[in-house]
Amino acid sequence: MPLNLSIKNVLEPVVVRLRERAKHNHRFLQGELLAILEGAAEPSLVSQRQLAPRIGASVEVDGHLG
């Protein structure tokens, strides 16, 4: 179920840069913020490498197993 989040006290220069980024990516600010959060929530390559042996998997990077 989707939840609403609120970020307070964001400095205006940050908001301006986020709006510019959103425009560059052909999104509204809301969509850009969601894309940033989704990207930040993705498991990192380091955590994937740490998890892989525990679940009997391997991580491939540029054609090489890591």
PDB file of N, CA and C in Angstrom:
ATOM      1  N   MET A   1       0.845  -1.172   0.000  1.00  0.00           N
ATOM      2  CA  MET A   1       0.000   0.000   0.000  1.00  0.00           C
ATOM      3  C   MET A   1       0.892   1.236   0.000  1.00  0.00           C
ATOM      4  N   PRO A   2       0.684   2.164  -0.936  1.00  0.00           N
ATOM      5  CA  PRO A   2       1.503   3.378  -0.981  1.00  0.00           C
ATOM      6  C   PRO A   2       1.313   4.233   0.271  1.00  0.00           C
ATOM      7  N   LEU A   3       2.377   4.878   0.687  1.00  0.00           N
ATOM      8  CA  LEU A   3       2.348   5.788   1.827  1.00  0.00           C
ATOM      9  C   LEU A   3       2.751   7.178   1.366  1.00  0.00           C
ATOM     10  N   ASN A   4       2.311   8.182   2.073  1.00  0.00           N
ATOM     11  CA  ASN A   4       2.714   9.554   1.800  1.00  0.00           C
ATOM     12  C   ASN A   4       3.873   9.914   2.710  1.00  0.00           C
ATOM     13  N   LEU A   5       4.902  10.547   2.155  1.00  0.00           N
ATOM     14  CA  LEU A   5       6.045  11.014   2.920  1.00  0.00           C
ATOM     15  C   LEU A   5       6.123  12.522   2.810  1.00  0.00           C
ATOM     16  N   SER A   6       6.720  13.138   3.806  1.00  0.00           N
ATOM     17  CA  SER A   6       6.882  14.589   3.791  1.00  0.00           C
ATOM     18  C   SER A   6       8.317  14.918   4.183  1.00  0.00           C
ATOM     19  N   ILE A   7       8.940  15.799   3.422  1.00  0.00           N
ATOM     20  CA  ILE A   7      10.289  16.252   3.744  1.00  0.00           C
ATOM     21  C   ILE A   7      10.200  17.737   4.045  1.00  0.00           C
ATOM     22  N   LYS A   8      10.672  18.122   5.201  1.00  0.00           N
ATOM     23  CA  LYS A   8      10.569  19.520   5.632  1.00  0.00           C
ATOM     24  C   LYS A   8      11.932  20.202   5.562  1.00  0.00           C
ATOM     25  N   ASN A   9      11.902  21.507   5.468  1.00  0.00           N
ATOM     26  CA  ASN A   9      13.088  22.355   5.536  1.00  0.00           C
ATOM     27  C   ASN A   9      14.089  22.103   4.414  1.00  0.00           C
ATOM     28  N   VAL A  10      13.595  21.819   3.222  1.00  0.00           N
ATOM     29  CA  VAL A  10      14.478  21.650   2.060  1.00  0.00           C
ATOM     30  C   VAL A  10      14.849  23.048   1.567  1.00  0.00           C
ATOM     31  N   LEU A  11      16.137  23.286   1.434  1.00  0.00           N
ATOM     32  CA  LEU A  11      16.598  24.600   0.996  1.00  0.00           C
ATOM     33  C   LEU A  11      16.188  24.857  -0.447  1.00  0.00           C
ATOM     34  N   GLU A  12      15.885  26.104  -0.738  1.00  0.00           N
ATOM     35  CA  GLU A  12      15.404  26.479  -2.073  1.00  0.00           C
ATOM     36  C   GLU A  12      16.357  26.085  -3.197  1.00  0.00           C
ATOM     37  N   PRO A  13      17.681  26.247  -3.024  1.00  0.00           N
ATOM     38  CA  PRO A  13      18.570  25.824  -4.126  1.00  0.00           C
ATOM     39  C   PRO A  13      18.461  24.322  -4.434  1.00  0.00           C
ATOM     40  N   VAL A  14      18.200  23.530  -3.432  1.00  0.00           N
ATOM     41  CA  VAL A  14      18.031  22.089  -3.643  1.00  0.00           C
ATOM     42  C   VAL A  14      16.751  21.831  -4.428  1.00  0.00           C
ATOM     43  N   VAL A  15      15.694  22.527  -4.066  1.00  0.00           N
ATOM     44  CA  VAL A  15      14.423  22.378  -4.770  1.00  0.00           C
ATOM     45  C   VAL A  15      14.569  22.807  -6.229  1.00  0.00           C
ATOM     46  N   VAL A  16      15.283  23.886  -6.456  1.00  0.00           N
ATOM     47  CA  VAL A  16      15.500  24.358  -7.829  1.00  0.00           C
ATOM     48  C   VAL A  16      16.230  23.285  -8.633  1.00  0.00           C
ATOM     49  N   ARG A  17      17.289  22.695  -8.062  1.00  0.00           N
ATOM     50  CA  ARG A  17      18.035  21.659  -8.778  1.00  0.00           C
ATOM     51  C   ARG A  17      17.173  20.426  -9.023  1.00  0.00           C
ATOM     52  N   LEU A  18      16.335  20.072  -8.058  1.00  0.00           N
ATOM     53  CA  LEU A  18      15.447  18.918  -8.243  1.00  0.00           C
ATOM     54  C   LEU A  18      14.428  19.179  -9.346  1.00  0.00           C
ATOM     55  N   ARG A  19      13.904  20.389  -9.389  1.00  0.00           N
ATOM     56  CA  ARG A  19      12.952  20.736 -10.458  1.00  0.00           C
ATOM     57  C   ARG A  19      13.627  20.702 -11.826  1.00  0.00           C
ATOM     58  N   GLU A  20      14.864  21.187 -11.890  1.00  0.00           N
ATOM     59  CA  GLU A  20      15.613  21.135 -13.149  1.00  0.00           C
ATOM     60  C   GLU A  20      15.860  19.684 -13.571  1.00  0.00           C
ATOM     61  N   ARG A  21      16.225  18.857 -12.608  1.00  0.00           N
ATOM     62  CA  ARG A  21      16.455  17.437 -12.887  1.00  0.00           C
ATOM     63  C   ARG A  21      15.177  16.780 -13.389  1.00  0.00           C
ATOM     64  N   ALA A  22      14.064  17.085 -12.747  1.00  0.00           N
ATOM     65  CA  ALA A  22      12.777  16.536 -13.163  1.00  0.00           C
ATOM     66  C   ALA A  22      12.440  16.958 -14.583  1.00  0.00           C
ATOM     67  N   LYS A  23      12.637  18.222 -14.883  1.00  0.00           N
ATOM     68  CA  LYS A  23      12.358  18.726 -16.234  1.00  0.00           C
ATOM     69  C   LYS A  23      13.229  18.021 -17.259  1.00  0.00           C
ATOM     70  N   HIS A  24      14.511  17.845 -16.942  1.00  0.00           N
ATOM     71  CA  HIS A  24      15.442  17.162 -17.842  1.00  0.00           C
ATOM     72  C   HIS A  24      14.988  15.717 -18.108  1.00  0.00           C
ATOM     73  N   ASN A  25      14.407  15.076 -17.106  1.00  0.00           N
ATOM     74  CA  ASN A  25      13.951  13.687 -17.222  1.00  0.00           C
ATOM     75  C   ASN A  25      12.486  13.576 -17.651  1.00  0.00           C
ATOM     76  N   HIS A  26      11.896  14.721 -18.053  1.00  0.00           N
ATOM     77  CA  HIS A  26      10.507  14.754 -18.527  1.00  0.00           C
ATOM     78  C   HIS A  26       9.529  14.202 -17.486  1.00  0.00           C
ATOM     79  N   ARG A  27       9.722  14.642 -16.243  1.00  0.00           N
ATOM     80  CA  ARG A  27       8.843  14.225 -15.151  1.00  0.00           C
ATOM     81  C   ARG A  27       8.425  15.448 -14.357  1.00  0.00           C
ATOM     82  N   PHE A  28       7.342  15.283 -13.626  1.00  0.00           N
ATOM     83  CA  PHE A  28       6.980  16.265 -12.618  1.00  0.00           C
ATOM     84  C   PHE A  28       7.894  16.049 -11.415  1.00  0.00           C
ATOM     85  N   LEU A  29       7.969  17.022 -10.520  1.00  0.00           N
ATOM     86  CA  LEU A  29       8.825  16.919  -9.341  1.00  0.00           C
ATOM     87  C   LEU A  29       8.498  15.658  -8.537  1.00  0.00           C
ATOM     88  N   GLN A  30       7.214  15.385  -8.359  1.00  0.00           N
ATOM     89  CA  GLN A  30       6.790  14.199  -7.610  1.00  0.00           C
ATOM     90  C   GLN A  30       7.373  12.919  -8.217  1.00  0.00           C
ATOM     91  N   GLY A  31       7.304  12.791  -9.522  1.00  0.00           N
ATOM     92  CA  GLY A  31       7.834  11.617 -10.199  1.00  0.00           C
ATOM     93  C   GLY A  31       9.342  11.516 -10.068  1.00  0.00           C
ATOM     94  N   GLU A  32      10.018  12.654 -10.124  1.00  0.00           N
ATOM     95  CA  GLU A  32      11.483  12.655  -9.978  1.00  0.00           C
ATOM     96  C   GLU A  32      11.884  12.224  -8.574  1.00  0.00           C
ATOM     97  N   LEU A  33      11.191  12.748  -7.589  1.00  0.00           N
ATOM     98  CA  LEU A  33      11.493  12.375  -6.207  1.00  0.00           C
ATOM     99  C   LEU A  33      11.252  10.878  -5.978  1.00  0.00           C
ATOM    100  N   LEU A  34      10.179  10.356  -6.545  1.00  0.00           N
ATOM    101  CA  LEU A  34       9.894   8.934  -6.411  1.00  0.00           C
ATOM    102  C   LEU A  34      10.983   8.100  -7.093  1.00  0.00           C
ATOM    103  N   ALA A  35      11.435   8.529  -8.264  1.00  0.00           N
ATOM    104  CA  ALA A  35      12.498   7.809  -8.966  1.00  0.00           C
ATOM    105  C   ALA A  35      13.793   7.822  -8.151  1.00  0.00           C
ATOM    106  N   ILE A  36      14.107   8.952  -7.533  1.00  0.00           N
ATOM    107  CA  ILE A  36      15.305   9.047  -6.690  1.00  0.00           C
ATOM    108  C   ILE A  36      15.193   8.102  -5.503  1.00  0.00           C
ATOM    109  N   LEU A  37      14.050   8.093  -4.846  1.00  0.00           N
ATOM    110  CA  LEU A  37      13.860   7.212  -3.685  1.00  0.00           C
ATOM    111  C   LEU A  37      13.922   5.740  -4.082  1.00  0.00           C
ATOM    112  N   GLU A  38      13.300   5.395  -5.213  1.00  0.00           N
ATOM    113  CA  GLU A  38      13.338   4.002  -5.660  1.00  0.00           C
ATOM    114  C   GLU A  38      14.766   3.577  -5.965  1.00  0.00           C
ATOM    115  N   GLY A  39      15.532   4.453  -6.603  1.00  0.00           N
ATOM    116  CA  GLY A  39      16.925   4.137  -6.899  1.00  0.00           C
ATOM    117  C   GLY A  39      17.754   3.975  -5.634  1.00  0.00           C
ATOM    118  N   ALA A  40      17.508   4.833  -4.663  1.00  0.00           N
ATOM    119  CA  ALA A  40      18.255   4.760  -3.409  1.00  0.00           C
ATOM    120  C   ALA A  40      17.904   3.510  -2.607  1.00  0.00           C
ATOM    121  N   ALA A  41      16.698   2.997  -2.811  1.00  0.00           N
ATOM    122  CA  ALA A  41      16.260   1.821  -2.058  1.00  0.00           C
ATOM    123  C   ALA A  41      16.696   0.512  -2.705  1.00  0.00           C
ATOM    124  N   GLU A  42      17.240   0.571  -3.937  1.00  0.00           N
ATOM    125  CA  GLU A  42      17.718  -0.638  -4.602  1.00  0.00           C
ATOM    126  C   GLU A  42      18.897  -1.203  -3.828  1.00  0.00           C
ATOM    127  N   PRO A  43      18.984  -2.526  -3.746  1.00  0.00           N
ATOM    128  CA  PRO A  43      20.140  -3.096  -3.061  1.00  0.00           C
ATOM    129  C   PRO A  43      21.424  -2.755  -3.805  1.00  0.00           C
ATOM    130  N   SER A  44      22.437  -2.394  -3.066  1.00  0.00           N
ATOM    131  CA  SER A  44      23.713  -2.051  -3.689  1.00  0.00           C
ATOM    132  C   SER A  44      24.430  -3.321  -4.127  1.00  0.00           C
ATOM    133  N   LEU A  45      25.395  -3.164  -5.003  1.00  0.00           N
ATOM    134  CA  LEU A  45      26.182  -4.297  -5.462  1.00  0.00           C
ATOM    135  C   LEU A  45      26.896  -4.958  -4.289  1.00  0.00           C
ATOM    136  N   VAL A  46      27.360  -4.161  -3.335  1.00  0.00           N
ATOM    137  CA  VAL A  46      28.039  -4.716  -2.162  1.00  0.00           C
ATOM    138  C   VAL A  46      27.089  -5.604  -1.378  1.00  0.00           C
ATOM    139  N   SER A  47      25.869  -5.132  -1.121  1.00  0.00           N
ATOM    140  CA  SER A  47      24.932  -5.943  -0.350  1.00  0.00           C
ATOM    141  C   SER A  47      24.506  -7.179  -1.131  1.00  0.00           C
ATOM    142  N   GLN A  48      24.421  -7.073  -2.460  1.00  0.00           N
ATOM    143  CA  GLN A  48      24.091  -8.249  -3.269  1.00  0.00           C
ATOM    144  C   GLN A  48      25.197  -9.288  -3.169  1.00  0.00           C
ATOM    145  N   ARG A  49      26.445  -8.827  -3.210  1.00  0.00           N
ATOM    146  CA  ARG A  49      27.576  -9.755  -3.099  1.00  0.00           C
ATOM    147  C   ARG A  49      27.609 -10.418  -1.733  1.00  0.00           C
ATOM    148  N   GLN A  50      27.212  -9.698  -0.702  1.00  0.00           N
ATOM    149  CA  GLN A  50      27.206 -10.275   0.643  1.00  0.00           C
ATOM    150  C   GLN A  50      26.060 -11.265   0.812  1.00  0.00           C
ATOM    151  N   LEU A  51      24.931 -10.986   0.186  1.00  0.00           N
ATOM    152  CA  LEU A  51      23.754 -11.837   0.318  1.00  0.00           C
ATOM    153  C   LEU A  51      23.837 -13.088  -0.555  1.00  0.00           C
ATOM    154  N   ALA A  52      24.450 -12.972  -1.720  1.00  0.00           N
ATOM    155  CA  ALA A  52      24.454 -14.048  -2.710  1.00  0.00           C
ATOM    156  C   ALA A  52      24.889 -15.400  -2.148  1.00  0.00           C
ATOM    157  N   PRO A  53      26.021 -15.507  -1.457  1.00  0.00           N
ATOM    158  CA  PRO A  53      26.432 -16.826  -0.967  1.00  0.00           C
ATOM    159  C   PRO A  53      25.449 -17.433   0.031  1.00  0.00           C
ATOM    160  N   ARG A  54      24.774 -16.584   0.784  1.00  0.00           N
ATOM    161  CA  ARG A  54      23.820 -17.083   1.776  1.00  0.00           C
ATOM    162  C   ARG A  54      22.587 -17.700   1.154  1.00  0.00           C
ATOM    163  N   ILE A  55      22.267 -17.274  -0.071  1.00  0.00           N
ATOM    164  CA  ILE A  55      21.078 -17.832  -0.726  1.00  0.00           C
ATOM    165  C   ILE A  55      21.454 -18.740  -1.899  1.00  0.00           C
ATOM    166  N   GLY A  56      22.763 -19.058  -2.006  1.00  0.00           N
ATOM    167  CA  GLY A  56      23.222 -19.959  -3.047  1.00  0.00           C
ATOM    168  C   GLY A  56      23.205 -19.353  -4.432  1.00  0.00           C
ATOM    169  N   ALA A  57      23.425 -18.034  -4.525  1.00  0.00           N
ATOM    170  CA  ALA A  57      23.427 -17.339  -5.818  1.00  0.00           C
ATOM    171  C   ALA A  57      24.796 -16.713  -6.042  1.00  0.00           C
ATOM    172  N   SER A  58      24.975 -16.130  -7.207  1.00  0.00           N
ATOM    173  CA  SER A  58      26.201 -15.395  -7.498  1.00  0.00           C
ATOM    174  C   SER A  58      25.823 -14.090  -8.168  1.00  0.00           C
ATOM    175  N   VAL A  59      26.718 -13.135  -8.110  1.00  0.00           N
ATOM    176  CA  VAL A  59      26.501 -11.812  -8.703  1.00  0.00           C
ATOM    177  C   VAL A  59      27.448 -11.681  -9.878  1.00  0.00           C
ATOM    178  N   GLU A  60      26.903 -11.346 -11.046  1.00  0.00           N
ATOM    179  CA  GLU A  60      27.715 -11.172 -12.245  1.00  0.00           C
ATOM    180  C   GLU A  60      27.857  -9.690 -12.545  1.00  0.00           C
ATOM    181  N   VAL A  61      29.103  -9.240 -12.730  1.00  0.00           N
ATOM    182  CA  VAL A  61      29.369  -7.852 -13.064  1.00  0.00           C
ATOM    183  C   VAL A  61      30.228  -7.831 -14.318  1.00  0.00           C
ATOM    184  N   ASP A  62      29.710  -7.196 -15.353  1.00  0.00           N
ATOM    185  CA  ASP A  62      30.435  -7.093 -16.632  1.00  0.00           C
ATOM    186  C   ASP A  62      30.933  -8.438 -17.130  1.00  0.00           C
ATOM    187  N   GLY A  63      30.091  -9.455 -17.008  1.00  0.00           N
ATOM    188  CA  GLY A  63      30.430 -10.768 -17.524  1.00  0.00           C
ATOM    189  C   GLY A  63      31.305 -11.601 -16.604  1.00  0.00           C
ATOM    190  N   HIS A  64      31.676 -11.077 -15.440  1.00  0.00           N
ATOM    191  CA  HIS A  64      32.515 -11.826 -14.506  1.00  0.00           C
ATOM    192  C   HIS A  64      31.742 -12.061 -13.213  1.00  0.00           C
ATOM    193  N   LEU A  65      31.865 -13.246 -12.657  1.00  0.00           N
ATOM    194  CA  LEU A  65      31.221 -13.523 -11.387  1.00  0.00           C
ATOM    195  C   LEU A  65      32.017 -12.880 -10.286  1.00  0.00           C
ATOM    196  N   GLY A  66      31.295 -12.252  -9.357  1.00  0.00           N
ATOM    197  CA  GLY A  66      31.970 -11.572  -8.259  1.00  0.00           C
ATOM    198  C   GLY A  66      31.679 -12.183  -6.941  1.00  0.00           C
TER     199      GLY A  66
END
